[in-house]
């Protein structure tokens, strides 16, 4: 349950949901930098890698299948 609450907080901050507190009120680039900052927390994000894709939906689905689904 606690982990789910942390994931929900990440989602709410990313969406700029006012209920997520002052960080959610920041502009989108600042929220992104905050969410991807390396720190010791319950939810650890990986390094950000810029990239390009001819078919973003297909690429996201492929990466999700490879890295998240088991």
C-alpha atoms as a PDB file:
ATOM      1  CA  UNK A   1       0.000   0.000   0.000  1.00  0.00           C
ATOM      2  CA  UNK A   2       2.764   2.459   0.901  1.00  0.00           C
ATOM      3  CA  UNK A   3       4.543   1.852  -2.402  1.00  0.00           C
ATOM      4  CA  UNK A   4       1.305   2.507  -4.308  1.00  0.00           C
ATOM      5  CA  UNK A   5       0.921   5.809  -2.449  1.00  0.00           C
ATOM      6  CA  UNK A   6       4.450   6.837  -3.482  1.00  0.00           C
ATOM      7  CA  UNK A   7       3.713   5.991  -7.117  1.00  0.00           C
ATOM      8  CA  UNK A   8       0.481   7.991  -6.936  1.00  0.00           C
ATOM      9  CA  UNK A   9       2.440  10.957  -5.565  1.00  0.00           C
ATOM     10  CA  UNK A  10       4.849  10.740  -8.528  1.00  0.00           C
ATOM     11  CA  UNK A  11       1.903  10.664 -10.939  1.00  0.00           C
ATOM     12  CA  UNK A  12       0.185  13.613  -9.253  1.00  0.00           C
ATOM     13  CA  UNK A  13       3.360  15.692  -9.249  1.00  0.00           C
ATOM     14  CA  UNK A  14       4.024  14.859 -12.904  1.00  0.00           C
ATOM     15  CA  UNK A  15       0.464  15.936 -13.778  1.00  0.00           C
ATOM     16  CA  UNK A  16       0.766  19.166 -11.782  1.00  0.00           C
ATOM     17  CA  UNK A  17      -2.118  18.131  -9.507  1.00  0.00           C
ATOM     18  CA  UNK A  18      -2.485  20.824  -6.822  1.00  0.00           C
ATOM     19  CA  UNK A  19      -3.245  18.164  -4.186  1.00  0.00           C
ATOM     20  CA  UNK A  20       0.361  16.903  -4.562  1.00  0.00           C
ATOM     21  CA  UNK A  21       1.806  19.939  -2.798  1.00  0.00           C
ATOM     22  CA  UNK A  22       4.180  22.747  -3.724  1.00  0.00           C
ATOM     23  CA  UNK A  23       6.373  20.702  -6.063  1.00  0.00           C
ATOM     24  CA  UNK A  24       3.335  20.009  -8.274  1.00  0.00           C
ATOM     25  CA  UNK A  25       2.886  23.781  -8.639  1.00  0.00           C
ATOM     26  CA  UNK A  26       6.260  24.113 -10.377  1.00  0.00           C
ATOM     27  CA  UNK A  27       6.460  24.360 -14.167  1.00  0.00           C
ATOM     28  CA  UNK A  28       6.714  21.075 -16.106  1.00  0.00           C
ATOM     29  CA  UNK A  29      10.520  21.167 -16.624  1.00  0.00           C
ATOM     30  CA  UNK A  30      11.094  21.774 -12.897  1.00  0.00           C
ATOM     31  CA  UNK A  31       8.712  18.965 -11.926  1.00  0.00           C
ATOM     32  CA  UNK A  32      10.531  16.635 -14.359  1.00  0.00           C
ATOM     33  CA  UNK A  33      13.925  17.515 -12.874  1.00  0.00           C
ATOM     34  CA  UNK A  34      12.587  16.979  -9.357  1.00  0.00           C
ATOM     35  CA  UNK A  35      11.067  13.595 -10.225  1.00  0.00           C
ATOM     36  CA  UNK A  36      14.226  12.356 -11.960  1.00  0.00           C
ATOM     37  CA  UNK A  37      16.737  13.659  -9.396  1.00  0.00           C
ATOM     38  CA  UNK A  38      18.938  10.940  -7.922  1.00  0.00           C
ATOM     39  CA  UNK A  39      18.193  10.474  -4.272  1.00  0.00           C
ATOM     40  CA  UNK A  40      17.519   7.745  -1.772  1.00  0.00           C
ATOM     41  CA  UNK A  41      13.745   7.246  -1.733  1.00  0.00           C
ATOM     42  CA  UNK A  42      11.147   4.523  -1.931  1.00  0.00           C
ATOM     43  CA  UNK A  43      10.807   5.031  -5.702  1.00  0.00           C
ATOM     44  CA  UNK A  44      14.109   5.226  -7.555  1.00  0.00           C
ATOM     45  CA  UNK A  45      14.105   6.516 -11.108  1.00  0.00           C
ATOM     46  CA  UNK A  46      16.669   5.515 -13.683  1.00  0.00           C
ATOM     47  CA  UNK A  47      18.911   7.911 -15.549  1.00  0.00           C
ATOM     48  CA  UNK A  48      17.183  10.017 -18.188  1.00  0.00           C
ATOM     49  CA  UNK A  49      18.140   9.102 -21.739  1.00  0.00           C
ATOM     50  CA  UNK A  50      17.103  11.364 -24.607  1.00  0.00           C
ATOM     51  CA  UNK A  51      16.081   9.618 -27.772  1.00  0.00           C
ATOM     52  CA  UNK A  52      14.003   9.745 -30.904  1.00  0.00           C
ATOM     53  CA  UNK A  53      11.457   7.345 -32.299  1.00  0.00           C
ATOM     54  CA  UNK A  54       9.522   7.146 -35.542  1.00  0.00           C
ATOM     55  CA  UNK A  55       6.659   5.458 -33.659  1.00  0.00           C
ATOM     56  CA  UNK A  56       6.538   6.593 -30.039  1.00  0.00           C
ATOM     57  CA  UNK A  57       3.573   4.414 -29.029  1.00  0.00           C
ATOM     58  CA  UNK A  58       5.274   1.284 -30.366  1.00  0.00           C
ATOM     59  CA  UNK A  59       8.570   2.167 -28.693  1.00  0.00           C
ATOM     60  CA  UNK A  60       6.943   2.819 -25.317  1.00  0.00           C
ATOM     61  CA  UNK A  61       5.021  -0.462 -25.494  1.00  0.00           C
ATOM     62  CA  UNK A  62       8.185  -2.372 -26.438  1.00  0.00           C
ATOM     63  CA  UNK A  63      10.211  -0.823 -23.596  1.00  0.00           C
ATOM     64  CA  UNK A  64       7.388  -1.373 -21.109  1.00  0.00           C
ATOM     65  CA  UNK A  65       7.173  -5.038 -22.122  1.00  0.00           C
ATOM     66  CA  UNK A  66      10.934  -5.511 -21.847  1.00  0.00           C
ATOM     67  CA  UNK A  67      11.548  -3.581 -18.650  1.00  0.00           C
ATOM     68  CA  UNK A  68       8.358  -3.691 -16.606  1.00  0.00           C
ATOM     69  CA  UNK A  69       6.145  -6.629 -17.520  1.00  0.00           C
ATOM     70  CA  UNK A  70       7.287 -10.005 -16.335  1.00  0.00           C
END
